[in-house]
Amino acid sequence: MLGSAPLAALAVLCFGGVGVYIVNPSLMSWSSVHVPNSIRWLGAGLGWTGALGEIWALVYLGRQYSPILRVRRGHELVVQGPYAWVRHPVYSFGMPMLAGLGLVAANWLIVATGIGAIAMAMVQRTPKEEAMLIKRSAIPIGDTANARDASFLACTDGARRMSPAGWRMPQ
């Protein structure tokens, strides 16, 4: 594992780039690309969809949410709302949100660091989150929740799911 420094660096670059772009877009002109307005509008829709999805996921997490990796006393596995379809919707919705921001800004740095930060978080954090939940028995071993422990993408029965170990079929 690379540790958290590369993830933090990507997040600082992404959100710092967004902040600089909001304050003074000309300071980010070195990383701008020509993007047709239709694609920028598509990016706005993508970004809003991702942001609203993140809010939806956080509302369902409620008091279970923590920005640091920990399992609170009395933790219960959330399986309603977006968690009924996707095990990690905050990450799943974060990808289109940050990609959409970068497309609206027509800035490759924001797109690349946003997607990179979310992808790195998926690979680095989710195995730790899952291990903590299993250790604290928030995910009972053998429960049907384990069939979708690490899924990032919405799917139906028989569809493939993405996990840190690669593609697998649901059980």
C-alpha atoms as a PDB file:
ATOM      1  CA  MET A   1       0.000   0.000   0.000  1.00  0.00           C
ATOM      2  CA  LEU A   2       1.185   3.474  -0.804  1.00  0.00           C
ATOM      3  CA  GLY A   3      -0.142   5.036   2.382  1.00  0.00           C
ATOM      4  CA  SER A   4      -2.378   8.062   2.638  1.00  0.00           C
ATOM      5  CA  ALA A   5       0.078  10.731   1.381  1.00  0.00           C
ATOM      6  CA  PRO A   6      -0.626  10.199  -2.364  1.00  0.00           C
ATOM      7  CA  LEU A   7      -4.378  10.207  -1.709  1.00  0.00           C
ATOM      8  CA  ALA A   8      -4.090  13.421   0.299  1.00  0.00           C
ATOM      9  CA  ALA A   9      -1.941  14.993  -2.438  1.00  0.00           C
ATOM     10  CA  LEU A  10      -4.506  14.122  -5.128  1.00  0.00           C
ATOM     11  CA  ALA A  11      -7.356  15.474  -3.003  1.00  0.00           C
ATOM     12  CA  VAL A  12      -5.483  18.732  -2.308  1.00  0.00           C
ATOM     13  CA  LEU A  13      -4.677  19.138  -6.010  1.00  0.00           C
ATOM     14  CA  CYS A  14      -8.270  18.436  -7.037  1.00  0.00           C
ATOM     15  CA  PHE A  15     -10.084  20.582  -4.485  1.00  0.00           C
ATOM     16  CA  GLY A  16      -7.353  23.214  -4.554  1.00  0.00           C
ATOM     17  CA  GLY A  17      -7.716  23.376  -8.344  1.00  0.00           C
ATOM     18  CA  VAL A  18     -11.488  23.736  -8.025  1.00  0.00           C
ATOM     19  CA  GLY A  19     -11.032  26.509  -5.448  1.00  0.00           C
ATOM     20  CA  VAL A  20      -8.506  28.385  -7.564  1.00  0.00           C
ATOM     21  CA  TYR A  21     -10.754  27.980 -10.614  1.00  0.00           C
ATOM     22  CA  ILE A  22     -13.718  29.444  -8.706  1.00  0.00           C
ATOM     23  CA  VAL A  23     -11.703  32.432  -7.469  1.00  0.00           C
ATOM     24  CA  ASN A  24      -9.697  33.135 -10.641  1.00  0.00           C
ATOM     25  CA  PRO A  25     -10.095  30.759 -13.612  1.00  0.00           C
ATOM     26  CA  SER A  26      -7.179  32.345 -15.481  1.00  0.00           C
ATOM     27  CA  LEU A  27      -4.770  30.924 -12.877  1.00  0.00           C
ATOM     28  CA  MET A  28      -5.782  27.447 -14.025  1.00  0.00           C
ATOM     29  CA  SER A  29      -5.430  28.206 -17.759  1.00  0.00           C
ATOM     30  CA  TRP A  30      -2.211  26.154 -17.953  1.00  0.00           C
ATOM     31  CA  SER A  31      -4.274  22.974 -17.470  1.00  0.00           C
ATOM     32  CA  SER A  32      -7.345  23.960 -19.457  1.00  0.00           C
ATOM     33  CA  VAL A  33      -8.489  22.046 -22.526  1.00  0.00           C
ATOM     34  CA  HIS A  34     -10.963  22.917 -25.233  1.00  0.00           C
ATOM     35  CA  VAL A  35     -14.264  21.241 -24.423  1.00  0.00           C
ATOM     36  CA  PRO A  36     -17.407  21.949 -26.442  1.00  0.00           C
ATOM     37  CA  ASN A  37     -20.187  23.653 -24.491  1.00  0.00           C
ATOM     38  CA  SER A  38     -22.431  20.615 -24.940  1.00  0.00           C
ATOM     39  CA  ILE A  39     -19.861  18.464 -23.092  1.00  0.00           C
ATOM     40  CA  ARG A  40     -19.519  21.109 -20.375  1.00  0.00           C
ATOM     41  CA  TRP A  41     -23.308  21.037 -19.888  1.00  0.00           C
ATOM     42  CA  LEU A  42     -23.136  17.244 -19.748  1.00  0.00           C
ATOM     43  CA  GLY A  43     -20.453  17.669 -17.077  1.00  0.00           C
ATOM     44  CA  ALA A  44     -22.777  19.967 -15.118  1.00  0.00           C
ATOM     45  CA  GLY A  45     -25.472  17.286 -15.149  1.00  0.00           C
ATOM     46  CA  LEU A  46     -22.952  14.625 -14.201  1.00  0.00           C
ATOM     47  CA  GLY A  47     -21.585  16.763 -11.371  1.00  0.00           C
ATOM     48  CA  TRP A  48     -25.047  17.567  -9.991  1.00  0.00           C
ATOM     49  CA  THR A  49     -26.097  13.927 -10.204  1.00  0.00           C
ATOM     50  CA  GLY A  50     -22.970  12.893  -8.307  1.00  0.00           C
ATOM     51  CA  ALA A  51     -23.400  15.624  -5.686  1.00  0.00           C
ATOM     52  CA  LEU A  52     -27.060  14.779  -5.105  1.00  0.00           C
ATOM     53  CA  GLY A  53     -26.151  11.078  -4.900  1.00  0.00           C
ATOM     54  CA  GLU A  54     -23.502  11.843  -2.287  1.00  0.00           C
ATOM     55  CA  ILE A  55     -26.023  13.832  -0.244  1.00  0.00           C
ATOM     56  CA  TRP A  56     -28.518  10.970  -0.566  1.00  0.00           C
ATOM     57  CA  ALA A  57     -25.899   8.464   0.661  1.00  0.00           C
ATOM     58  CA  LEU A  58     -24.823  10.686   3.568  1.00  0.00           C
ATOM     59  CA  VAL A  59     -28.437  11.215   4.662  1.00  0.00           C
ATOM     60  CA  TYR A  60     -28.891   7.436   4.877  1.00  0.00           C
ATOM     61  CA  LEU A  61     -25.581   6.997   6.700  1.00  0.00           C
ATOM     62  CA  GLY A  62     -26.656   9.488   9.340  1.00  0.00           C
ATOM     63  CA  ARG A  63     -24.678   9.102  12.552  1.00  0.00           C
ATOM     64  CA  GLN A  64     -22.780   6.131  11.082  1.00  0.00           C
ATOM     65  CA  TYR A  65     -20.732   8.545   8.909  1.00  0.00           C
ATOM     66  CA  SER A  66     -17.202   9.419   9.964  1.00  0.00           C
ATOM     67  CA  PRO A  67     -14.484  10.996   7.821  1.00  0.00           C
ATOM     68  CA  ILE A  68     -11.937   8.844   9.660  1.00  0.00           C
ATOM     69  CA  LEU A  69     -11.905   5.053   9.575  1.00  0.00           C
ATOM     70  CA  ARG A  70     -13.687   3.821  12.676  1.00  0.00           C
ATOM     71  CA  VAL A  71     -16.691   1.788  13.734  1.00  0.00           C
ATOM     72  CA  ARG A  72     -18.826   3.450  16.383  1.00  0.00           C
ATOM     73  CA  ARG A  73     -20.283   1.548  19.313  1.00  0.00           C
ATOM     74  CA  GLY A  74     -23.639   0.108  18.279  1.00  0.00           C
ATOM     75  CA  HIS A  75     -22.820   0.486  14.573  1.00  0.00           C
ATOM     76  CA  GLU A  76     -25.414  -0.989  12.239  1.00  0.00           C
ATOM     77  CA  LEU A  77     -24.863  -1.814   8.597  1.00  0.00           C
ATOM     78  CA  VAL A  78     -26.892   0.604   6.457  1.00  0.00           C
ATOM     79  CA  VAL A  79     -28.829  -1.242   3.736  1.00  0.00           C
ATOM     80  CA  GLN A  80     -31.505   1.316   2.805  1.00  0.00           C
ATOM     81  CA  GLY A  81     -31.522   4.074   0.182  1.00  0.00           C
ATOM     82  CA  PRO A  82     -28.510   3.900  -2.144  1.00  0.00           C
ATOM     83  CA  TYR A  83     -26.975   1.260   0.148  1.00  0.00           C
ATOM     84  CA  ALA A  84     -29.694  -1.167  -0.983  1.00  0.00           C
ATOM     85  CA  TRP A  85     -28.003  -1.262  -4.412  1.00  0.00           C
ATOM     86  CA  VAL A  86     -24.398  -0.196  -3.866  1.00  0.00           C
ATOM     87  CA  ARG A  87     -22.144  -0.982  -0.903  1.00  0.00           C
ATOM     88  CA  HIS A  88     -20.044   2.197  -1.276  1.00  0.00           C
ATOM     89  CA  PRO A  89     -22.272   4.882  -2.845  1.00  0.00           C
ATOM     90  CA  VAL A  90     -20.243   7.813  -1.479  1.00  0.00           C
ATOM     91  CA  TYR A  91     -17.293   6.671  -3.616  1.00  0.00           C
ATOM     92  CA  SER A  92     -19.546   5.664  -6.512  1.00  0.00           C
ATOM     93  CA  PHE A  93     -21.216   9.089  -6.636  1.00  0.00           C
ATOM     94  CA  GLY A  94     -17.945  10.941  -5.948  1.00  0.00           C
ATOM     95  CA  MET A  95     -16.452   9.841  -9.258  1.00  0.00           C
ATOM     96  CA  PRO A  96     -19.102  11.491 -11.494  1.00  0.00           C
ATOM     97  CA  MET A  97     -19.276  14.521  -9.214  1.00  0.00           C
ATOM     98  CA  LEU A  98     -15.561  15.292  -9.540  1.00  0.00           C
ATOM     99  CA  ALA A  99     -15.382  14.332 -13.222  1.00  0.00           C
ATOM    100  CA  GLY A 100     -18.350  16.635 -13.852  1.00  0.00           C
ATOM    101  CA  LEU A 101     -16.643  19.519 -12.039  1.00  0.00           C
ATOM    102  CA  GLY A 102     -13.578  19.062 -14.218  1.00  0.00           C
ATOM    103  CA  LEU A 103     -15.641  18.964 -17.407  1.00  0.00           C
ATOM    104  CA  VAL A 104     -17.506  22.151 -16.451  1.00  0.00           C
ATOM    105  CA  ALA A 105     -14.161  23.831 -15.777  1.00  0.00           C
ATOM    106  CA  ALA A 106     -12.723  22.291 -18.975  1.00  0.00           C
ATOM    107  CA  ASN A 107      -9.670  21.422 -16.937  1.00  0.00           C
ATOM    108  CA  TRP A 108      -7.749  18.157 -17.277  1.00  0.00           C
ATOM    109  CA  LEU A 109      -6.056  18.556 -13.873  1.00  0.00           C
ATOM    110  CA  ILE A 110      -9.379  18.673 -12.024  1.00  0.00           C
ATOM    111  CA  VAL A 111     -10.729  15.662 -13.963  1.00  0.00           C
ATOM    112  CA  ALA A 112      -7.559  13.573 -13.525  1.00  0.00           C
ATOM    113  CA  THR A 113      -6.978  14.332  -9.845  1.00  0.00           C
ATOM    114  CA  GLY A 114     -10.674  13.949  -9.006  1.00  0.00           C
ATOM    115  CA  ILE A 115     -10.972  10.546 -10.649  1.00  0.00           C
ATOM    116  CA  GLY A 116      -7.560   9.546  -9.295  1.00  0.00           C
ATOM    117  CA  ALA A 117      -8.435  10.529  -5.719  1.00  0.00           C
ATOM    118  CA  ILE A 118     -11.715   8.604  -5.750  1.00  0.00           C
ATOM    119  CA  ALA A 119     -10.119   5.553  -7.405  1.00  0.00           C
ATOM    120  CA  MET A 120      -7.279   5.574  -4.885  1.00  0.00           C
ATOM    121  CA  ALA A 121      -9.730   5.932  -1.997  1.00  0.00           C
ATOM    122  CA  MET A 122     -11.700   2.957  -3.355  1.00  0.00           C
ATOM    123  CA  VAL A 123      -8.580   0.804  -3.493  1.00  0.00           C
ATOM    124  CA  GLN A 124      -6.989   1.956  -0.232  1.00  0.00           C
ATOM    125  CA  ARG A 125      -9.884   2.625   2.126  1.00  0.00           C
ATOM    126  CA  THR A 126     -12.606   0.104   1.310  1.00  0.00           C
ATOM    127  CA  PRO A 127     -10.648  -3.029   2.277  1.00  0.00           C
ATOM    128  CA  LYS A 128      -9.881  -1.371   5.630  1.00  0.00           C
ATOM    129  CA  GLU A 129     -13.506  -0.285   6.078  1.00  0.00           C
ATOM    130  CA  GLU A 130     -14.747  -3.784   5.311  1.00  0.00           C
ATOM    131  CA  ALA A 131     -12.229  -5.420   7.658  1.00  0.00           C
ATOM    132  CA  MET A 132     -13.219  -3.065  10.482  1.00  0.00           C
ATOM    133  CA  LEU A 133     -16.923  -3.750   9.948  1.00  0.00           C
ATOM    134  CA  ILE A 134     -16.396  -7.531   9.882  1.00  0.00           C
ATOM    135  CA  LYS A 135     -14.139  -7.413  12.957  1.00  0.00           C
ATOM    136  CA  ARG A 136     -16.766  -5.456  14.898  1.00  0.00           C
ATOM    137  CA  SER A 137     -19.501  -7.791  13.566  1.00  0.00           C
ATOM    138  CA  ALA A 138     -21.358  -4.993  11.811  1.00  0.00           C
ATOM    139  CA  ILE A 139     -21.261  -7.316   8.779  1.00  0.00           C
ATOM    140  CA  PRO A 140     -22.149 -10.845   9.960  1.00  0.00           C
ATOM    141  CA  ILE A 141     -20.020 -13.506   8.296  1.00  0.00           C
ATOM    142  CA  GLY A 142     -22.173 -15.488   5.867  1.00  0.00           C
ATOM    143  CA  ASP A 143     -24.887 -12.816   5.789  1.00  0.00           C
ATOM    144  CA  THR A 144     -26.279 -11.817   2.405  1.00  0.00           C
ATOM    145  CA  ALA A 145     -24.606  -8.428   2.921  1.00  0.00           C
ATOM    146  CA  ASN A 146     -21.266 -10.128   2.275  1.00  0.00           C
ATOM    147  CA  ALA A 147     -22.293 -10.838  -1.316  1.00  0.00           C
ATOM    148  CA  ARG A 148     -22.111  -7.114  -1.964  1.00  0.00           C
ATOM    149  CA  ASP A 149     -19.543  -5.996   0.605  1.00  0.00           C
ATOM    150  CA  ALA A 150     -17.234  -4.282  -1.836  1.00  0.00           C
ATOM    151  CA  SER A 151     -19.492  -3.387  -4.732  1.00  0.00           C
ATOM    152  CA  PHE A 152     -19.088   0.103  -6.151  1.00  0.00           C
ATOM    153  CA  LEU A 153     -21.481  -0.113  -9.062  1.00  0.00           C
ATOM    154  CA  ALA A 154     -25.224  -0.613  -9.056  1.00  0.00           C
ATOM    155  CA  CYS A 155     -26.167  -3.986 -10.445  1.00  0.00           C
ATOM    156  CA  THR A 156     -28.916  -6.542 -10.618  1.00  0.00           C
ATOM    157  CA  ASP A 157     -28.777 -10.231  -9.768  1.00  0.00           C
ATOM    158  CA  GLY A 158     -26.309 -11.960 -12.052  1.00  0.00           C
ATOM    159  CA  ALA A 159     -24.483  -8.753 -12.988  1.00  0.00           C
ATOM    160  CA  ARG A 160     -20.808  -8.276 -12.278  1.00  0.00           C
ATOM    161  CA  ARG A 161     -19.701  -6.170  -9.316  1.00  0.00           C
ATOM    162  CA  MET A 162     -16.474  -4.270  -8.815  1.00  0.00           C
ATOM    163  CA  SER A 163     -14.397  -5.187  -5.792  1.00  0.00           C
ATOM    164  CA  PRO A 164     -10.868  -4.279  -4.698  1.00  0.00           C
ATOM    165  CA  ALA A 165      -9.802  -7.770  -5.797  1.00  0.00           C
ATOM    166  CA  GLY A 166     -11.249  -7.341  -9.284  1.00  0.00           C
ATOM    167  CA  TRP A 167     -14.458  -8.474 -10.959  1.00  0.00           C
ATOM    168  CA  ARG A 168     -16.542 -11.216  -9.388  1.00  0.00           C
ATOM    169  CA  MET A 169     -20.015 -12.639  -9.626  1.00  0.00           C
ATOM    170  CA  PRO A 170     -22.403 -12.089  -6.699  1.00  0.00           C
ATOM    171  CA  GLN A 171     -23.012 -15.145  -4.520  1.00  0.00           C
END
